[in-house]
Structures are given as C-alpha cells and as structure tokens.
Amino acid sequence: MKFLVVNGPNLNFLGIREKGVYGSETYKELVEYIKDVSGKLIEEIEIKQSNSEGEIIDFLQKAYYDKVDGIIINPGAYTHYSYAIYDALKAVSIPAVEVHLSDIHDREDFRKVSVTAPACVKQICGKGKEGYIEGLLYLLEYLK
C-alpha cells in the first residue's frame, strides 16, 4: 500500500514554534518517526510539507495520479478556512485522515472549526506525533 502525508504551514518550524503547544521535537524528528513506524506497516510512504495552499492542492492531486491508497493531512492553519483544500480532498476521492498535533477543540475559538475535516474519513487531534500513526492504522483498517 502507498500512503501520502501532507503537512501544512509552519510544521517545518516544529521545535521552534510555540513549544508549550507543539513541544520541542523538530520537523525532521517527526518525519523520521513517521517513516520508522510506518515502514513496519506499509510498503511506501511519502511525506510532504508546504506553506503554500496551492502546493498542498498539487500534492493531493498528484496523489490521485500516483494511485495513493490513503492520505494523512495536517492542513495547519488552512484547516480553518481552506475550502480549496476541502475541494481537492473531495475531488481525489482518496480516504484521508486529518491530524493535528494539538487539540484544536481546546484552543482559540477560530481553531475549533475545521472546514477540511468533512472531506476526511476521520479527524485526530491532540495526540502529538502518535496521531499520525493512529491515522495510518485507521486508514489500514478502513481500506480492508
């Protein structure tokens, strides 16, 4: 099976940005963790990050042509207002899980609403890096 992980704005600043919310682990460490654990579960995983909404949409559309089986997406701030990412997730018809390191439902009011989650089969919040693996395991079960 082939999976794609897409990370949105500022994830590349993990370990620097709001350590009280996101911890001190770096983005590189997050990517290594996902690859290490997923390598025991699936054949192939590709991990992408962009601060650009258009590039995130390009990643999702390319996943369709690359015959990706499942998507794990952390849209970052785009979660709360990107109907374009919502549309891209719906268009590709690939099962997706939305993941957030922090619990968006326990933060500022504007973060509590996700416009992208309804295009996904599940949303996982507040479990840190383990949320990515939970999302992967969910997709593996979902795709059976």
N, C-alpha and C. Protein backbone atom coordinates (compact mmCIF):
# COMPACT_ATOMS: atom_id res chain seq x y z
N MET A 1 0.84 -1.19 0.00
CA MET A 1 0.00 0.00 0.00
C MET A 1 0.88 1.24 0.00
N LYS A 2 0.31 2.28 -0.56
CA LYS A 2 1.04 3.53 -0.74
C LYS A 2 0.26 4.65 -0.03
N PHE A 3 0.96 5.41 0.81
CA PHE A 3 0.33 6.49 1.56
C PHE A 3 1.09 7.80 1.37
N LEU A 4 0.35 8.89 1.54
CA LEU A 4 0.91 10.23 1.46
C LEU A 4 0.58 10.97 2.74
N VAL A 5 1.59 11.63 3.31
CA VAL A 5 1.39 12.53 4.44
C VAL A 5 1.65 13.94 3.93
N VAL A 6 0.68 14.82 4.15
CA VAL A 6 0.82 16.22 3.73
C VAL A 6 0.73 17.10 4.96
N ASN A 7 1.76 17.89 5.18
CA ASN A 7 1.80 18.83 6.30
C ASN A 7 1.76 20.26 5.79
N GLY A 8 0.93 21.06 6.43
CA GLY A 8 0.73 22.43 6.00
C GLY A 8 1.66 23.42 6.66
N PRO A 9 1.24 24.67 6.67
CA PRO A 9 2.08 25.79 7.08
C PRO A 9 2.69 25.64 8.48
N ASN A 10 3.93 26.02 8.55
CA ASN A 10 4.69 26.15 9.80
C ASN A 10 5.03 24.84 10.48
N LEU A 11 4.64 23.69 9.92
CA LEU A 11 5.04 22.43 10.53
C LEU A 11 6.55 22.29 10.48
N ASN A 12 7.17 22.87 9.45
CA ASN A 12 8.63 22.82 9.36
C ASN A 12 9.30 23.63 10.47
N PHE A 13 8.52 24.35 11.26
CA PHE A 13 9.07 25.12 12.38
C PHE A 13 8.80 24.45 13.72
N LEU A 14 8.46 23.16 13.69
CA LEU A 14 8.30 22.43 14.94
C LEU A 14 9.61 22.48 15.72
N GLY A 15 9.49 22.56 17.01
CA GLY A 15 10.68 22.66 17.86
C GLY A 15 11.10 24.10 18.09
N ILE A 16 10.57 24.99 17.28
CA ILE A 16 10.86 26.42 17.40
C ILE A 16 9.58 27.16 17.80
N ARG A 17 8.50 26.79 17.15
CA ARG A 17 7.21 27.47 17.27
C ARG A 17 6.43 26.99 18.49
N GLU A 18 5.99 27.88 19.33
CA GLU A 18 5.10 27.60 20.45
C GLU A 18 5.34 26.24 21.10
N LYS A 19 6.50 26.11 21.72
CA LYS A 19 6.89 24.83 22.33
C LYS A 19 5.88 24.35 23.37
N GLY A 20 5.20 25.26 24.02
CA GLY A 20 4.20 24.87 25.00
C GLY A 20 3.00 24.18 24.38
N VAL A 21 2.77 24.42 23.10
CA VAL A 21 1.66 23.80 22.38
C VAL A 21 2.14 22.60 21.58
N TYR A 22 3.27 22.75 20.88
CA TYR A 22 3.72 21.75 19.92
C TYR A 22 4.93 20.93 20.37
N GLY A 23 5.52 21.29 21.50
CA GLY A 23 6.67 20.55 22.01
C GLY A 23 7.98 21.00 21.39
N SER A 24 9.05 20.31 21.75
CA SER A 24 10.39 20.72 21.29
C SER A 24 10.94 19.82 20.18
N GLU A 25 10.19 18.79 19.82
CA GLU A 25 10.63 17.91 18.74
C GLU A 25 10.61 18.67 17.41
N THR A 26 11.63 18.45 16.59
CA THR A 26 11.73 19.16 15.32
C THR A 26 10.92 18.46 14.23
N TYR A 27 10.71 19.16 13.13
CA TYR A 27 10.00 18.57 12.00
C TYR A 27 10.77 17.37 11.46
N LYS A 28 12.08 17.48 11.40
CA LYS A 28 12.90 16.37 10.93
C LYS A 28 12.69 15.13 11.80
N GLU A 29 12.62 15.33 13.11
CA GLU A 29 12.38 14.22 14.04
C GLU A 29 10.99 13.62 13.83
N LEU A 30 10.00 14.48 13.57
CA LEU A 30 8.65 14.00 13.29
C LEU A 30 8.64 13.12 12.04
N VAL A 31 9.29 13.60 10.98
CA VAL A 31 9.34 12.85 9.72
C VAL A 31 10.04 11.51 9.93
N GLU A 32 11.15 11.50 10.64
CA GLU A 32 11.88 10.25 10.90
C GLU A 32 11.01 9.27 11.69
N TYR A 33 10.27 9.78 12.67
CA TYR A 33 9.38 8.93 13.46
C TYR A 33 8.31 8.30 12.57
N ILE A 34 7.66 9.10 11.75
CA ILE A 34 6.61 8.58 10.87
C ILE A 34 7.18 7.53 9.93
N LYS A 35 8.33 7.80 9.35
CA LYS A 35 8.95 6.83 8.42
C LYS A 35 9.34 5.54 9.14
N ASP A 36 9.93 5.66 10.33
CA ASP A 36 10.35 4.48 11.09
C ASP A 36 9.17 3.57 11.42
N VAL A 37 8.12 4.16 11.96
CA VAL A 37 6.98 3.35 12.38
C VAL A 37 6.20 2.84 11.16
N SER A 38 5.96 3.70 10.19
CA SER A 38 5.16 3.29 9.03
C SER A 38 5.88 2.24 8.19
N GLY A 39 7.21 2.26 8.19
CA GLY A 39 7.99 1.29 7.43
C GLY A 39 7.73 -0.15 7.87
N LYS A 40 7.25 -0.30 9.09
CA LYS A 40 6.92 -1.63 9.60
C LYS A 40 5.50 -2.05 9.22
N LEU A 41 4.72 -1.09 8.71
CA LEU A 41 3.30 -1.35 8.46
C LEU A 41 2.90 -1.34 6.99
N ILE A 42 3.57 -0.52 6.20
CA ILE A 42 3.18 -0.36 4.79
C ILE A 42 4.41 -0.35 3.89
N GLU A 43 4.15 -0.52 2.61
CA GLU A 43 5.22 -0.57 1.62
C GLU A 43 5.87 0.78 1.36
N GLU A 44 5.03 1.82 1.24
CA GLU A 44 5.57 3.11 0.81
C GLU A 44 4.82 4.27 1.46
N ILE A 45 5.59 5.25 1.91
CA ILE A 45 5.01 6.48 2.44
C ILE A 45 5.83 7.66 1.95
N GLU A 46 5.14 8.67 1.51
CA GLU A 46 5.79 9.90 1.07
C GLU A 46 5.30 11.02 1.98
N ILE A 47 6.23 11.84 2.45
CA ILE A 47 5.87 12.92 3.37
C ILE A 47 6.24 14.25 2.73
N LYS A 48 5.25 15.13 2.65
CA LYS A 48 5.43 16.44 2.03
C LYS A 48 5.03 17.53 3.01
N GLN A 49 5.63 18.70 2.86
CA GLN A 49 5.28 19.87 3.66
C GLN A 49 5.33 21.08 2.77
N SER A 50 4.36 21.97 2.94
CA SER A 50 4.38 23.23 2.22
C SER A 50 3.64 24.30 3.01
N ASN A 51 4.12 25.51 2.87
CA ASN A 51 3.43 26.67 3.43
C ASN A 51 2.44 27.24 2.43
N SER A 52 2.41 26.69 1.22
CA SER A 52 1.58 27.19 0.13
C SER A 52 0.33 26.34 -0.07
N GLU A 53 -0.80 26.97 -0.02
CA GLU A 53 -2.07 26.27 -0.23
C GLU A 53 -2.11 25.60 -1.60
N GLY A 54 -1.65 26.29 -2.62
CA GLY A 54 -1.66 25.73 -3.97
C GLY A 54 -0.78 24.50 -4.09
N GLU A 55 0.36 24.52 -3.44
CA GLU A 55 1.26 23.37 -3.50
C GLU A 55 0.65 22.17 -2.76
N ILE A 56 -0.04 22.42 -1.67
CA ILE A 56 -0.73 21.34 -0.95
C ILE A 56 -1.78 20.71 -1.87
N ILE A 57 -2.51 21.53 -2.57
CA ILE A 57 -3.51 21.02 -3.52
C ILE A 57 -2.82 20.21 -4.62
N ASP A 58 -1.68 20.69 -5.10
CA ASP A 58 -0.92 19.93 -6.11
C ASP A 58 -0.50 18.57 -5.57
N PHE A 59 -0.06 18.49 -4.31
CA PHE A 59 0.31 17.21 -3.70
C PHE A 59 -0.89 16.25 -3.71
N LEU A 60 -2.06 16.78 -3.33
CA LEU A 60 -3.26 15.95 -3.27
C LEU A 60 -3.67 15.46 -4.66
N GLN A 61 -3.62 16.34 -5.64
CA GLN A 61 -3.99 15.94 -7.00
C GLN A 61 -3.01 14.94 -7.58
N LYS A 62 -1.73 15.11 -7.30
CA LYS A 62 -0.72 14.16 -7.77
C LYS A 62 -0.94 12.80 -7.14
N ALA A 63 -1.41 12.78 -5.91
CA ALA A 63 -1.69 11.51 -5.22
C ALA A 63 -2.71 10.68 -6.01
N TYR A 64 -3.66 11.34 -6.63
CA TYR A 64 -4.66 10.64 -7.44
C TYR A 64 -3.98 9.91 -8.60
N TYR A 65 -3.12 10.63 -9.31
CA TYR A 65 -2.44 10.05 -10.48
C TYR A 65 -1.40 9.00 -10.08
N ASP A 66 -0.85 9.16 -8.88
CA ASP A 66 0.15 8.19 -8.38
C ASP A 66 -0.50 6.98 -7.72
N LYS A 67 -1.82 6.93 -7.72
CA LYS A 67 -2.57 5.80 -7.16
C LYS A 67 -2.27 5.57 -5.67
N VAL A 68 -2.25 6.66 -4.92
CA VAL A 68 -2.05 6.60 -3.47
C VAL A 68 -3.30 6.00 -2.84
N ASP A 69 -3.12 5.12 -1.86
CA ASP A 69 -4.24 4.45 -1.21
C ASP A 69 -4.88 5.27 -0.10
N GLY A 70 -4.08 6.07 0.61
CA GLY A 70 -4.59 6.85 1.72
C GLY A 70 -3.75 8.08 1.97
N ILE A 71 -4.39 9.09 2.54
CA ILE A 71 -3.73 10.37 2.81
C ILE A 71 -3.91 10.70 4.29
N ILE A 72 -2.83 11.16 4.90
CA ILE A 72 -2.87 11.74 6.23
C ILE A 72 -2.49 13.20 6.03
N ILE A 73 -3.37 14.09 6.45
CA ILE A 73 -3.14 15.51 6.21
C ILE A 73 -3.24 16.32 7.49
N ASN A 74 -2.25 17.17 7.69
CA ASN A 74 -2.30 18.17 8.75
C ASN A 74 -2.28 19.51 8.02
N PRO A 75 -3.45 20.09 7.74
CA PRO A 75 -3.50 21.32 6.95
C PRO A 75 -3.03 22.57 7.69
N GLY A 76 -2.67 22.42 8.97
CA GLY A 76 -2.23 23.59 9.73
C GLY A 76 -3.34 24.63 9.76
N ALA A 77 -2.97 25.89 9.62
CA ALA A 77 -3.95 26.98 9.67
C ALA A 77 -4.97 26.89 8.54
N TYR A 78 -4.63 26.24 7.44
CA TYR A 78 -5.58 26.09 6.34
C TYR A 78 -6.81 25.28 6.76
N THR A 79 -6.67 24.51 7.83
CA THR A 79 -7.78 23.73 8.38
C THR A 79 -9.03 24.58 8.55
N HIS A 80 -8.83 25.82 8.95
CA HIS A 80 -9.93 26.66 9.40
C HIS A 80 -10.56 27.50 8.31
N TYR A 81 -9.97 27.51 7.10
CA TYR A 81 -10.57 28.36 6.07
C TYR A 81 -10.32 27.92 4.63
N SER A 82 -9.63 26.81 4.39
CA SER A 82 -9.32 26.46 3.01
C SER A 82 -10.36 25.52 2.39
N TYR A 83 -11.33 26.14 1.76
CA TYR A 83 -12.29 25.35 1.01
C TYR A 83 -11.64 24.77 -0.25
N ALA A 84 -10.54 25.36 -0.68
CA ALA A 84 -9.82 24.82 -1.83
C ALA A 84 -9.18 23.46 -1.49
N ILE A 85 -8.63 23.33 -0.29
CA ILE A 85 -8.08 22.04 0.14
C ILE A 85 -9.22 21.05 0.37
N TYR A 86 -10.32 21.51 0.95
CA TYR A 86 -11.51 20.66 1.09
C TYR A 86 -11.92 20.11 -0.28
N ASP A 87 -12.03 21.00 -1.26
CA ASP A 87 -12.44 20.58 -2.61
C ASP A 87 -11.45 19.59 -3.21
N ALA A 88 -10.16 19.81 -3.00
CA ALA A 88 -9.14 18.89 -3.54
C ALA A 88 -9.26 17.51 -2.89
N LEU A 89 -9.47 17.47 -1.58
CA LEU A 89 -9.65 16.19 -0.89
C LEU A 89 -10.89 15.46 -1.43
N LYS A 90 -11.97 16.18 -1.63
CA LYS A 90 -13.19 15.57 -2.17
C LYS A 90 -12.97 15.10 -3.61
N ALA A 91 -12.27 15.90 -4.39
CA ALA A 91 -12.08 15.58 -5.82
C ALA A 91 -11.27 14.31 -6.03
N VAL A 92 -10.25 14.09 -5.24
CA VAL A 92 -9.38 12.93 -5.47
C VAL A 92 -10.00 11.63 -4.96
N SER A 93 -10.98 11.72 -4.09
CA SER A 93 -11.69 10.54 -3.57
C SER A 93 -10.75 9.49 -2.98
N ILE A 94 -9.69 9.94 -2.34
CA ILE A 94 -8.77 9.05 -1.63
C ILE A 94 -9.09 9.20 -0.14
N PRO A 95 -9.30 8.11 0.58
CA PRO A 95 -9.59 8.25 2.01
C PRO A 95 -8.47 9.03 2.72
N ALA A 96 -8.89 10.02 3.49
CA ALA A 96 -7.94 10.88 4.18
C ALA A 96 -8.30 11.00 5.65
N VAL A 97 -7.28 11.11 6.48
CA VAL A 97 -7.44 11.39 7.90
C VAL A 97 -6.77 12.72 8.18
N GLU A 98 -7.52 13.61 8.83
CA GLU A 98 -6.97 14.90 9.24
C GLU A 98 -6.35 14.74 10.62
N VAL A 99 -5.11 15.17 10.76
CA VAL A 99 -4.36 15.03 12.01
C VAL A 99 -3.88 16.40 12.48
N HIS A 100 -3.97 16.62 13.79
CA HIS A 100 -3.42 17.83 14.40
C HIS A 100 -2.63 17.42 15.63
N LEU A 101 -1.45 17.97 15.78
CA LEU A 101 -0.62 17.66 16.94
C LEU A 101 -1.29 18.11 18.23
N SER A 102 -1.87 19.31 18.19
CA SER A 102 -2.55 19.85 19.37
C SER A 102 -4.05 19.55 19.26
N ASP A 103 -4.76 19.76 20.37
CA ASP A 103 -6.21 19.57 20.36
C ASP A 103 -6.85 20.88 19.92
N ILE A 104 -7.21 20.96 18.65
CA ILE A 104 -7.76 22.21 18.11
C ILE A 104 -9.08 22.59 18.78
N HIS A 105 -9.77 21.61 19.37
CA HIS A 105 -11.05 21.88 20.02
C HIS A 105 -10.88 22.47 21.42
N ASP A 106 -9.64 22.51 21.88
CA ASP A 106 -9.34 23.04 23.21
C ASP A 106 -8.44 24.28 23.10
N ARG A 107 -8.55 24.96 21.95
CA ARG A 107 -7.71 26.14 21.73
C ARG A 107 -8.58 27.35 21.43
N GLU A 108 -8.02 28.35 20.76
CA GLU A 108 -8.77 29.56 20.43
C GLU A 108 -10.02 29.19 19.62
N ASP A 109 -11.04 30.04 19.74
CA ASP A 109 -12.31 29.77 19.06
C ASP A 109 -12.14 29.54 17.56
N PHE A 110 -11.31 30.34 16.90
CA PHE A 110 -11.17 30.20 15.46
C PHE A 110 -10.56 28.86 15.05
N ARG A 111 -9.83 28.23 15.95
CA ARG A 111 -9.19 26.93 15.64
C ARG A 111 -10.15 25.75 15.82
N LYS A 112 -11.27 25.96 16.46
CA LYS A 112 -12.18 24.86 16.79
C LYS A 112 -12.96 24.35 15.58
N VAL A 113 -13.02 25.14 14.53
CA VAL A 113 -13.78 24.77 13.34
C VAL A 113 -12.81 24.32 12.25
N SER A 114 -13.06 23.13 11.72
CA SER A 114 -12.29 22.63 10.59
C SER A 114 -13.19 22.56 9.37
N VAL A 115 -12.83 23.28 8.32
CA VAL A 115 -13.59 23.18 7.08
C VAL A 115 -13.10 22.02 6.22
N THR A 116 -11.93 21.48 6.56
CA THR A 116 -11.37 20.38 5.77
C THR A 116 -11.78 19.00 6.31
N ALA A 117 -12.06 18.90 7.60
CA ALA A 117 -12.41 17.60 8.21
C ALA A 117 -13.59 16.90 7.54
N PRO A 118 -14.64 17.61 7.11
CA PRO A 118 -15.75 16.90 6.47
C PRO A 118 -15.37 16.19 5.16
N ALA A 119 -14.22 16.51 4.61
CA ALA A 119 -13.75 15.82 3.40
C ALA A 119 -12.91 14.60 3.76
N CYS A 120 -12.74 14.36 5.05
CA CYS A 120 -11.90 13.25 5.54
C CYS A 120 -12.78 12.18 6.20
N VAL A 121 -12.22 10.99 6.33
CA VAL A 121 -12.96 9.90 6.97
C VAL A 121 -12.81 9.94 8.49
N LYS A 122 -11.85 10.71 8.99
CA LYS A 122 -11.62 10.81 10.44
C LYS A 122 -10.77 12.03 10.74
N GLN A 123 -10.92 12.56 11.95
CA GLN A 123 -10.06 13.63 12.44
C GLN A 123 -9.46 13.18 13.76
N ILE A 124 -8.15 13.39 13.90
CA ILE A 124 -7.43 13.04 15.13
C ILE A 124 -6.73 14.29 15.63
N CYS A 125 -6.99 14.65 16.89
CA CYS A 125 -6.42 15.88 17.46
C CYS A 125 -5.79 15.60 18.82
N GLY A 126 -4.72 16.33 19.09
CA GLY A 126 -4.17 16.37 20.44
C GLY A 126 -3.37 15.16 20.86
N LYS A 127 -2.94 14.35 19.93
CA LYS A 127 -2.17 13.15 20.29
C LYS A 127 -0.71 13.27 19.87
N GLY A 128 -0.29 14.48 19.51
CA GLY A 128 1.09 14.68 19.11
C GLY A 128 1.43 13.84 17.89
N LYS A 129 2.69 13.43 17.82
CA LYS A 129 3.16 12.67 16.66
C LYS A 129 2.45 11.32 16.55
N GLU A 130 1.98 10.78 17.67
CA GLU A 130 1.29 9.49 17.64
C GLU A 130 0.00 9.57 16.84
N GLY A 131 -0.55 10.77 16.69
CA GLY A 131 -1.75 10.95 15.89
C GLY A 131 -1.55 10.53 14.44
N TYR A 132 -0.35 10.73 13.92
CA TYR A 132 -0.06 10.31 12.54
C TYR A 132 -0.13 8.79 12.41
N ILE A 133 0.40 8.10 13.40
CA ILE A 133 0.38 6.63 13.36
C ILE A 133 -1.05 6.12 13.58
N GLU A 134 -1.77 6.76 14.49
CA GLU A 134 -3.17 6.38 14.68
C GLU A 134 -3.95 6.57 13.38
N GLY A 135 -3.66 7.65 12.67
CA GLY A 135 -4.31 7.89 11.38
C GLY A 135 -3.96 6.82 10.36
N LEU A 136 -2.71 6.44 10.32
CA LEU A 136 -2.26 5.38 9.41
C LEU A 136 -2.95 4.06 9.73
N LEU A 137 -2.99 3.70 11.00
CA LEU A 137 -3.65 2.46 11.42
C LEU A 137 -5.14 2.49 11.09
N TYR A 138 -5.76 3.65 11.29
CA TYR A 138 -7.17 3.79 10.96
C TYR A 138 -7.39 3.56 9.46
N LEU A 139 -6.54 4.17 8.65
CA LEU A 139 -6.69 4.01 7.19
C LEU A 139 -6.48 2.57 6.76
N LEU A 140 -5.51 1.89 7.37
CA LEU A 140 -5.28 0.48 7.03
C LEU A 140 -6.52 -0.35 7.32
N GLU A 141 -7.15 -0.11 8.45
CA GLU A 141 -8.38 -0.83 8.79
C GLU A 141 -9.53 -0.40 7.86
N TYR A 142 -9.63 0.87 7.59
CA TYR A 142 -10.68 1.42 6.73
C TYR A 142 -10.61 0.83 5.32
N LEU A 143 -9.40 0.62 4.84
CA LEU A 143 -9.21 0.14 3.47
C LEU A 143 -9.37 -1.38 3.32
N LYS A 144 -9.51 -2.11 4.43
CA LYS A 144 -9.67 -3.57 4.34
C LYS A 144 -10.94 -3.95 3.64
